[in-house]
Amino acid sequence: MIHILHSSSLELRRLLPITLLCVSAFAQGETWVITDQAHPVTNAAGIRVIHLDEQQRLEEQLTKKLPSNPMQAAASIQTYLSSPDGRQFQRELAQAQQAATDAWSLGIKKIPAVVVDRQYVVYGEADVKTATGIIARARSMQR
């Protein structure tokens, strides 16, 4: 233990940026972006992005493959949904439905919306980095 406390300053300087990065990430909190395909966002890597139209997109993708005959379509759907791809589709559909529920539970009124800690929101900003910066500045002024 004592050896670690007396590490060279070079080692400590190497750890400082990593420590600051971790502290910064934890200070920002949980970030969600709520949008749809018509309102793309940028700088959203590593952030939960909820597309409100994802369920519709998945359903359209499914129905494009169906025959026009209703009886054949019903049989085709049953076969597909029992397949591994069909089970994956059902998981994706359930996730899309849950994501939309999560977004609406926040009372989002406009998209795109960037939400931090389910408490702070910036509407209309497509650049997630800019939006989280706005939120960070507002939060720092409250302290």
N, C-alpha and C. Protein backbone atom coordinates (compact mmCIF):
# COMPACT_ATOMS: atom_id res chain seq x y z
N MET A 1 0.80 -1.19 0.00
CA MET A 1 0.00 0.00 0.00
C MET A 1 0.85 1.26 0.00
N ILE A 2 1.85 1.30 0.84
CA ILE A 2 2.69 2.47 0.94
C ILE A 2 3.41 2.73 -0.38
N HIS A 3 3.84 1.68 -1.05
CA HIS A 3 4.52 1.83 -2.33
C HIS A 3 3.62 2.53 -3.35
N ILE A 4 2.36 2.21 -3.35
CA ILE A 4 1.41 2.84 -4.27
C ILE A 4 1.26 4.32 -3.97
N LEU A 5 1.24 4.67 -2.71
CA LEU A 5 1.09 6.07 -2.33
C LEU A 5 2.31 6.90 -2.71
N HIS A 6 3.47 6.25 -2.84
CA HIS A 6 4.68 6.97 -3.19
C HIS A 6 5.08 6.75 -4.65
N SER A 7 4.11 6.50 -5.51
CA SER A 7 4.39 6.30 -6.93
C SER A 7 4.99 7.56 -7.52
N SER A 8 5.71 7.38 -8.58
CA SER A 8 6.33 8.54 -9.23
C SER A 8 5.26 9.48 -9.78
N SER A 9 5.62 10.73 -9.87
CA SER A 9 4.67 11.71 -10.37
C SER A 9 4.30 11.43 -11.83
N LEU A 10 5.21 10.78 -12.57
CA LEU A 10 4.91 10.43 -13.96
C LEU A 10 3.75 9.44 -14.01
N GLU A 11 3.74 8.45 -13.14
CA GLU A 11 2.65 7.48 -13.10
C GLU A 11 1.34 8.16 -12.72
N LEU A 12 1.40 9.05 -11.76
CA LEU A 12 0.20 9.77 -11.34
C LEU A 12 -0.33 10.65 -12.47
N ARG A 13 0.58 11.28 -13.21
CA ARG A 13 0.14 12.11 -14.33
C ARG A 13 -0.53 11.28 -15.41
N ARG A 14 -0.13 10.03 -15.55
CA ARG A 14 -0.77 9.15 -16.53
C ARG A 14 -2.16 8.76 -16.08
N LEU A 15 -2.36 8.63 -14.80
CA LEU A 15 -3.67 8.23 -14.27
C LEU A 15 -4.65 9.40 -14.21
N LEU A 16 -4.16 10.61 -14.10
CA LEU A 16 -5.02 11.78 -13.95
C LEU A 16 -6.05 11.93 -15.07
N PRO A 17 -5.66 11.86 -16.35
CA PRO A 17 -6.68 11.99 -17.42
C PRO A 17 -7.76 10.91 -17.34
N ILE A 18 -7.36 9.69 -17.02
CA ILE A 18 -8.34 8.61 -16.91
C ILE A 18 -9.29 8.88 -15.76
N THR A 19 -8.75 9.33 -14.63
CA THR A 19 -9.57 9.64 -13.47
C THR A 19 -10.55 10.76 -13.79
N LEU A 20 -10.06 11.82 -14.43
CA LEU A 20 -10.92 12.93 -14.79
C LEU A 20 -12.01 12.51 -15.76
N LEU A 21 -11.69 11.66 -16.69
CA LEU A 21 -12.67 11.16 -17.64
C LEU A 21 -13.77 10.40 -16.91
N CYS A 22 -13.38 9.54 -15.98
CA CYS A 22 -14.36 8.77 -15.21
C CYS A 22 -15.24 9.68 -14.37
N VAL A 23 -14.63 10.65 -13.70
CA VAL A 23 -15.40 11.59 -12.87
C VAL A 23 -16.36 12.38 -13.73
N SER A 24 -15.91 12.81 -14.90
CA SER A 24 -16.76 13.57 -15.81
C SER A 24 -17.95 12.74 -16.26
N ALA A 25 -17.71 11.47 -16.59
CA ALA A 25 -18.81 10.60 -17.03
C ALA A 25 -19.83 10.40 -15.92
N PHE A 26 -19.35 10.19 -14.69
CA PHE A 26 -20.28 9.97 -13.58
C PHE A 26 -21.01 11.25 -13.21
N ALA A 27 -20.35 12.40 -13.34
CA ALA A 27 -20.98 13.67 -13.00
C ALA A 27 -22.12 13.99 -13.96
N GLN A 28 -21.98 13.60 -15.23
CA GLN A 28 -23.00 13.89 -16.22
C GLN A 28 -24.26 13.07 -15.97
N GLY A 29 -24.13 11.84 -15.54
CA GLY A 29 -25.29 11.01 -15.26
C GLY A 29 -25.77 10.27 -16.49
N GLU A 30 -26.93 9.68 -16.35
CA GLU A 30 -27.53 8.89 -17.42
C GLU A 30 -28.10 9.81 -18.49
N THR A 31 -27.72 9.55 -19.74
CA THR A 31 -28.17 10.39 -20.84
C THR A 31 -28.95 9.56 -21.85
N TRP A 32 -30.10 10.07 -22.23
CA TRP A 32 -30.93 9.46 -23.26
C TRP A 32 -31.17 10.50 -24.35
N VAL A 33 -31.28 10.01 -25.57
CA VAL A 33 -31.69 10.85 -26.69
C VAL A 33 -32.99 10.27 -27.22
N ILE A 34 -34.00 11.11 -27.35
CA ILE A 34 -35.28 10.67 -27.88
C ILE A 34 -35.48 11.41 -29.21
N THR A 35 -35.69 10.61 -30.27
CA THR A 35 -35.81 11.19 -31.60
C THR A 35 -36.59 10.22 -32.49
N ASP A 36 -36.54 10.44 -33.79
CA ASP A 36 -37.07 9.49 -34.77
C ASP A 36 -36.16 9.53 -36.00
N GLN A 37 -36.47 8.71 -36.98
CA GLN A 37 -35.62 8.63 -38.16
C GLN A 37 -35.56 9.94 -38.94
N ALA A 38 -36.59 10.76 -38.84
CA ALA A 38 -36.63 12.03 -39.57
C ALA A 38 -35.79 13.11 -38.89
N HIS A 39 -35.36 12.87 -37.65
CA HIS A 39 -34.58 13.84 -36.89
C HIS A 39 -33.29 13.19 -36.39
N PRO A 40 -32.33 12.95 -37.29
CA PRO A 40 -31.08 12.29 -36.87
C PRO A 40 -30.28 13.15 -35.91
N VAL A 41 -29.50 12.50 -35.07
CA VAL A 41 -28.66 13.20 -34.10
C VAL A 41 -27.20 12.83 -34.35
N THR A 42 -26.30 13.66 -33.84
CA THR A 42 -24.87 13.40 -33.96
C THR A 42 -24.25 13.32 -32.57
N ASN A 43 -23.04 12.76 -32.52
CA ASN A 43 -22.27 12.63 -31.28
C ASN A 43 -23.04 11.88 -30.20
N ALA A 44 -23.66 10.77 -30.59
CA ALA A 44 -24.45 9.99 -29.63
C ALA A 44 -23.80 8.65 -29.28
N ALA A 45 -22.53 8.49 -29.60
CA ALA A 45 -21.86 7.22 -29.31
C ALA A 45 -21.88 6.93 -27.81
N GLY A 46 -22.28 5.72 -27.46
CA GLY A 46 -22.31 5.31 -26.06
C GLY A 46 -23.50 5.82 -25.28
N ILE A 47 -24.44 6.44 -25.95
CA ILE A 47 -25.63 7.01 -25.29
C ILE A 47 -26.86 6.27 -25.79
N ARG A 48 -27.82 6.07 -24.90
CA ARG A 48 -29.06 5.40 -25.29
C ARG A 48 -29.86 6.32 -26.22
N VAL A 49 -30.09 5.86 -27.43
CA VAL A 49 -30.89 6.61 -28.40
C VAL A 49 -32.20 5.87 -28.60
N ILE A 50 -33.29 6.55 -28.33
CA ILE A 50 -34.63 5.98 -28.49
C ILE A 50 -35.25 6.59 -29.74
N HIS A 51 -35.54 5.72 -30.72
CA HIS A 51 -36.24 6.16 -31.93
C HIS A 51 -37.72 5.85 -31.73
N LEU A 52 -38.53 6.88 -31.62
CA LEU A 52 -39.95 6.69 -31.36
C LEU A 52 -40.67 5.96 -32.49
N ASP A 53 -40.10 5.96 -33.68
CA ASP A 53 -40.71 5.28 -34.81
C ASP A 53 -40.10 3.90 -35.08
N GLU A 54 -39.32 3.37 -34.14
CA GLU A 54 -38.68 2.08 -34.35
C GLU A 54 -39.69 0.94 -34.46
N GLN A 55 -40.74 0.96 -33.66
CA GLN A 55 -41.76 -0.08 -33.75
C GLN A 55 -42.41 -0.07 -35.13
N GLN A 56 -42.75 1.09 -35.60
CA GLN A 56 -43.36 1.21 -36.93
C GLN A 56 -42.40 0.70 -38.00
N ARG A 57 -41.13 1.05 -37.90
CA ARG A 57 -40.13 0.60 -38.87
C ARG A 57 -40.04 -0.93 -38.88
N LEU A 58 -40.01 -1.53 -37.70
CA LEU A 58 -39.92 -2.99 -37.61
C LEU A 58 -41.17 -3.66 -38.21
N GLU A 59 -42.33 -3.11 -37.89
CA GLU A 59 -43.58 -3.69 -38.41
C GLU A 59 -43.65 -3.57 -39.93
N GLU A 60 -43.20 -2.44 -40.46
CA GLU A 60 -43.19 -2.27 -41.92
C GLU A 60 -42.21 -3.25 -42.57
N GLN A 61 -41.08 -3.45 -41.93
CA GLN A 61 -40.09 -4.40 -42.42
C GLN A 61 -40.70 -5.80 -42.48
N LEU A 62 -41.47 -6.16 -41.48
CA LEU A 62 -42.11 -7.47 -41.42
C LEU A 62 -43.19 -7.61 -42.50
N THR A 63 -44.04 -6.63 -42.63
CA THR A 63 -45.16 -6.75 -43.56
C THR A 63 -44.72 -6.69 -45.03
N LYS A 64 -43.56 -6.09 -45.31
CA LYS A 64 -43.07 -6.05 -46.70
C LYS A 64 -42.83 -7.46 -47.24
N LYS A 65 -42.50 -8.38 -46.36
CA LYS A 65 -42.15 -9.73 -46.78
C LYS A 65 -43.36 -10.66 -46.93
N LEU A 66 -44.53 -10.18 -46.52
CA LEU A 66 -45.70 -11.06 -46.50
C LEU A 66 -46.38 -11.15 -47.86
N PRO A 67 -46.93 -12.33 -48.15
CA PRO A 67 -47.73 -12.47 -49.38
C PRO A 67 -49.01 -11.65 -49.26
N SER A 68 -49.60 -11.30 -50.38
CA SER A 68 -50.82 -10.49 -50.36
C SER A 68 -52.05 -11.29 -49.93
N ASN A 69 -52.03 -12.59 -50.11
CA ASN A 69 -53.14 -13.44 -49.69
C ASN A 69 -53.14 -13.52 -48.15
N PRO A 70 -54.27 -13.15 -47.50
CA PRO A 70 -54.32 -13.14 -46.03
C PRO A 70 -54.03 -14.50 -45.39
N MET A 71 -54.50 -15.58 -46.00
CA MET A 71 -54.27 -16.91 -45.43
C MET A 71 -52.78 -17.27 -45.50
N GLN A 72 -52.19 -16.99 -46.64
CA GLN A 72 -50.76 -17.26 -46.80
C GLN A 72 -49.93 -16.36 -45.87
N ALA A 73 -50.36 -15.12 -45.73
CA ALA A 73 -49.65 -14.18 -44.86
C ALA A 73 -49.69 -14.66 -43.41
N ALA A 74 -50.84 -15.13 -42.95
CA ALA A 74 -50.97 -15.63 -41.57
C ALA A 74 -50.06 -16.83 -41.34
N ALA A 75 -50.03 -17.74 -42.29
CA ALA A 75 -49.18 -18.92 -42.18
C ALA A 75 -47.70 -18.52 -42.21
N SER A 76 -47.38 -17.58 -43.07
CA SER A 76 -46.01 -17.11 -43.18
C SER A 76 -45.55 -16.44 -41.88
N ILE A 77 -46.42 -15.64 -41.30
CA ILE A 77 -46.09 -14.96 -40.03
C ILE A 77 -45.84 -15.98 -38.93
N GLN A 78 -46.70 -16.98 -38.82
CA GLN A 78 -46.54 -18.00 -37.79
C GLN A 78 -45.21 -18.74 -37.93
N THR A 79 -44.89 -19.09 -39.15
CA THR A 79 -43.62 -19.77 -39.40
C THR A 79 -42.44 -18.87 -39.05
N TYR A 80 -42.51 -17.63 -39.48
CA TYR A 80 -41.42 -16.69 -39.23
C TYR A 80 -41.24 -16.45 -37.73
N LEU A 81 -42.33 -16.19 -37.01
CA LEU A 81 -42.23 -15.87 -35.59
C LEU A 81 -41.71 -17.03 -34.75
N SER A 82 -41.84 -18.24 -35.24
CA SER A 82 -41.32 -19.39 -34.49
C SER A 82 -39.86 -19.71 -34.85
N SER A 83 -39.32 -19.00 -35.82
CA SER A 83 -37.93 -19.21 -36.24
C SER A 83 -36.99 -18.38 -35.35
N PRO A 84 -35.69 -18.69 -35.37
CA PRO A 84 -34.73 -17.85 -34.62
C PRO A 84 -34.78 -16.37 -35.03
N ASP A 85 -34.88 -16.10 -36.33
CA ASP A 85 -34.99 -14.70 -36.78
C ASP A 85 -36.27 -14.06 -36.26
N GLY A 86 -37.34 -14.82 -36.25
CA GLY A 86 -38.62 -14.32 -35.76
C GLY A 86 -38.58 -14.02 -34.27
N ARG A 87 -37.91 -14.88 -33.51
CA ARG A 87 -37.77 -14.63 -32.06
C ARG A 87 -36.92 -13.39 -31.82
N GLN A 88 -35.88 -13.20 -32.64
CA GLN A 88 -35.06 -11.99 -32.54
C GLN A 88 -35.90 -10.76 -32.88
N PHE A 89 -36.72 -10.87 -33.91
CA PHE A 89 -37.62 -9.78 -34.28
C PHE A 89 -38.54 -9.42 -33.11
N GLN A 90 -39.09 -10.42 -32.45
CA GLN A 90 -39.99 -10.18 -31.31
C GLN A 90 -39.25 -9.48 -30.17
N ARG A 91 -37.99 -9.84 -29.93
CA ARG A 91 -37.20 -9.16 -28.89
C ARG A 91 -36.98 -7.70 -29.26
N GLU A 92 -36.63 -7.47 -30.53
CA GLU A 92 -36.41 -6.10 -30.99
C GLU A 92 -37.70 -5.27 -30.90
N LEU A 93 -38.81 -5.88 -31.24
CA LEU A 93 -40.09 -5.19 -31.16
C LEU A 93 -40.43 -4.84 -29.71
N ALA A 94 -40.22 -5.78 -28.80
CA ALA A 94 -40.48 -5.52 -27.38
C ALA A 94 -39.56 -4.41 -26.86
N GLN A 95 -38.30 -4.42 -27.29
CA GLN A 95 -37.37 -3.36 -26.88
C GLN A 95 -37.82 -2.00 -27.41
N ALA A 96 -38.29 -1.96 -28.64
CA ALA A 96 -38.77 -0.70 -29.23
C ALA A 96 -39.99 -0.19 -28.48
N GLN A 97 -40.89 -1.09 -28.11
CA GLN A 97 -42.07 -0.69 -27.35
C GLN A 97 -41.69 -0.17 -25.97
N GLN A 98 -40.75 -0.85 -25.30
CA GLN A 98 -40.30 -0.41 -23.99
C GLN A 98 -39.60 0.94 -24.07
N ALA A 99 -38.79 1.13 -25.10
CA ALA A 99 -38.08 2.40 -25.28
C ALA A 99 -39.08 3.55 -25.47
N ALA A 100 -40.11 3.33 -26.28
CA ALA A 100 -41.12 4.37 -26.48
C ALA A 100 -41.84 4.67 -25.18
N THR A 101 -42.15 3.64 -24.41
CA THR A 101 -42.79 3.82 -23.10
C THR A 101 -41.89 4.63 -22.18
N ASP A 102 -40.60 4.29 -22.16
CA ASP A 102 -39.64 5.04 -21.33
C ASP A 102 -39.63 6.52 -21.72
N ALA A 103 -39.60 6.78 -23.02
CA ALA A 103 -39.56 8.17 -23.49
C ALA A 103 -40.82 8.92 -23.10
N TRP A 104 -41.97 8.31 -23.33
CA TRP A 104 -43.22 9.00 -23.01
C TRP A 104 -43.40 9.18 -21.51
N SER A 105 -42.81 8.30 -20.71
CA SER A 105 -42.93 8.45 -19.25
C SER A 105 -42.21 9.70 -18.76
N LEU A 106 -41.29 10.22 -19.57
CA LEU A 106 -40.58 11.45 -19.21
C LEU A 106 -41.38 12.70 -19.59
N GLY A 107 -42.44 12.51 -20.35
CA GLY A 107 -43.24 13.66 -20.77
C GLY A 107 -42.61 14.48 -21.88
N ILE A 108 -41.84 13.83 -22.73
CA ILE A 108 -41.16 14.52 -23.83
C ILE A 108 -42.20 15.17 -24.75
N LYS A 109 -41.97 16.44 -25.08
CA LYS A 109 -42.93 17.20 -25.88
C LYS A 109 -42.47 17.46 -27.31
N LYS A 110 -41.18 17.31 -27.57
CA LYS A 110 -40.63 17.64 -28.89
C LYS A 110 -39.38 16.79 -29.11
N ILE A 111 -39.06 16.53 -30.37
CA ILE A 111 -37.84 15.79 -30.67
C ILE A 111 -36.99 16.58 -31.66
N PRO A 112 -35.70 16.38 -31.67
CA PRO A 112 -34.97 15.52 -30.74
C PRO A 112 -34.94 16.13 -29.34
N ALA A 113 -34.83 15.25 -28.36
CA ALA A 113 -34.71 15.66 -26.96
C ALA A 113 -33.52 14.92 -26.36
N VAL A 114 -32.68 15.65 -25.66
CA VAL A 114 -31.56 15.06 -24.94
C VAL A 114 -31.88 15.21 -23.46
N VAL A 115 -31.93 14.07 -22.77
CA VAL A 115 -32.34 14.05 -21.37
C VAL A 115 -31.18 13.52 -20.52
N VAL A 116 -30.89 14.21 -19.44
CA VAL A 116 -29.85 13.78 -18.51
C VAL A 116 -30.50 13.53 -17.15
N ASP A 117 -30.22 12.39 -16.59
CA ASP A 117 -30.73 11.99 -15.27
C ASP A 117 -32.26 12.03 -15.18
N ARG A 118 -32.91 11.86 -16.31
CA ARG A 118 -34.38 11.86 -16.38
C ARG A 118 -34.98 13.13 -15.77
N GLN A 119 -34.19 14.19 -15.75
CA GLN A 119 -34.60 15.40 -15.07
C GLN A 119 -34.35 16.65 -15.91
N TYR A 120 -33.25 16.67 -16.63
CA TYR A 120 -32.87 17.84 -17.43
C TYR A 120 -33.04 17.50 -18.90
N VAL A 121 -33.61 18.45 -19.67
CA VAL A 121 -33.86 18.17 -21.08
C VAL A 121 -33.52 19.38 -21.93
N VAL A 122 -32.97 19.12 -23.10
CA VAL A 122 -32.76 20.14 -24.13
C VAL A 122 -33.52 19.65 -25.35
N TYR A 123 -34.41 20.48 -25.87
CA TYR A 123 -35.19 20.13 -27.05
C TYR A 123 -34.59 20.77 -28.29
N GLY A 124 -34.69 20.05 -29.41
CA GLY A 124 -34.36 20.63 -30.70
C GLY A 124 -32.89 20.66 -31.07
N GLU A 125 -32.01 20.22 -30.20
CA GLU A 125 -30.57 20.23 -30.50
C GLU A 125 -30.17 18.85 -30.99
N ALA A 126 -29.73 18.77 -32.25
CA ALA A 126 -29.37 17.48 -32.85
C ALA A 126 -27.98 17.00 -32.45
N ASP A 127 -27.13 17.90 -31.99
CA ASP A 127 -25.79 17.52 -31.56
C ASP A 127 -25.83 17.20 -30.06
N VAL A 128 -25.67 15.94 -29.73
CA VAL A 128 -25.80 15.48 -28.34
C VAL A 128 -24.73 16.11 -27.46
N LYS A 129 -23.54 16.27 -27.99
CA LYS A 129 -22.46 16.88 -27.21
C LYS A 129 -22.81 18.32 -26.83
N THR A 130 -23.36 19.06 -27.77
CA THR A 130 -23.78 20.44 -27.50
C THR A 130 -24.88 20.47 -26.46
N ALA A 131 -25.87 19.58 -26.62
CA ALA A 131 -26.99 19.55 -25.68
C ALA A 131 -26.55 19.19 -24.27
N THR A 132 -25.67 18.20 -24.14
CA THR A 132 -25.21 17.84 -22.80
C THR A 132 -24.35 18.96 -22.21
N GLY A 133 -23.66 19.71 -23.04
CA GLY A 133 -22.91 20.87 -22.56
C GLY A 133 -23.83 21.94 -22.01
N ILE A 134 -24.94 22.17 -22.70
CA ILE A 134 -25.94 23.14 -22.23
C ILE A 134 -26.47 22.71 -20.86
N ILE A 135 -26.78 21.43 -20.74
CA ILE A 135 -27.29 20.91 -19.47
C ILE A 135 -26.23 21.03 -18.37
N ALA A 136 -24.99 20.71 -18.68
CA ALA A 136 -23.91 20.80 -17.69
C ALA A 136 -23.75 22.24 -17.20
N ARG A 137 -23.81 23.21 -18.13
CA ARG A 137 -23.68 24.62 -17.73
C ARG A 137 -24.86 25.04 -16.85
N ALA A 138 -26.06 24.61 -17.21
CA ALA A 138 -27.24 24.96 -16.41
C ALA A 138 -27.16 24.36 -15.02
N ARG A 139 -26.70 23.11 -14.95
CA ARG A 139 -26.57 22.46 -13.64
C ARG A 139 -25.52 23.14 -12.79
N SER A 140 -24.42 23.56 -13.40
CA SER A 140 -23.35 24.21 -12.62
C SER A 140 -23.82 25.56 -12.07
N MET A 141 -24.73 26.24 -12.77
CA MET A 141 -25.25 27.51 -12.30
C MET A 141 -26.22 27.32 -11.13
N GLN A 142 -26.81 26.13 -11.03
CA GLN A 142 -27.74 25.85 -9.93
C GLN A 142 -27.00 25.59 -8.62
N ARG A 143 -25.74 25.22 -8.70
CA ARG A 143 -24.99 24.85 -7.49
C ARG A 143 -24.54 26.03 -6.72
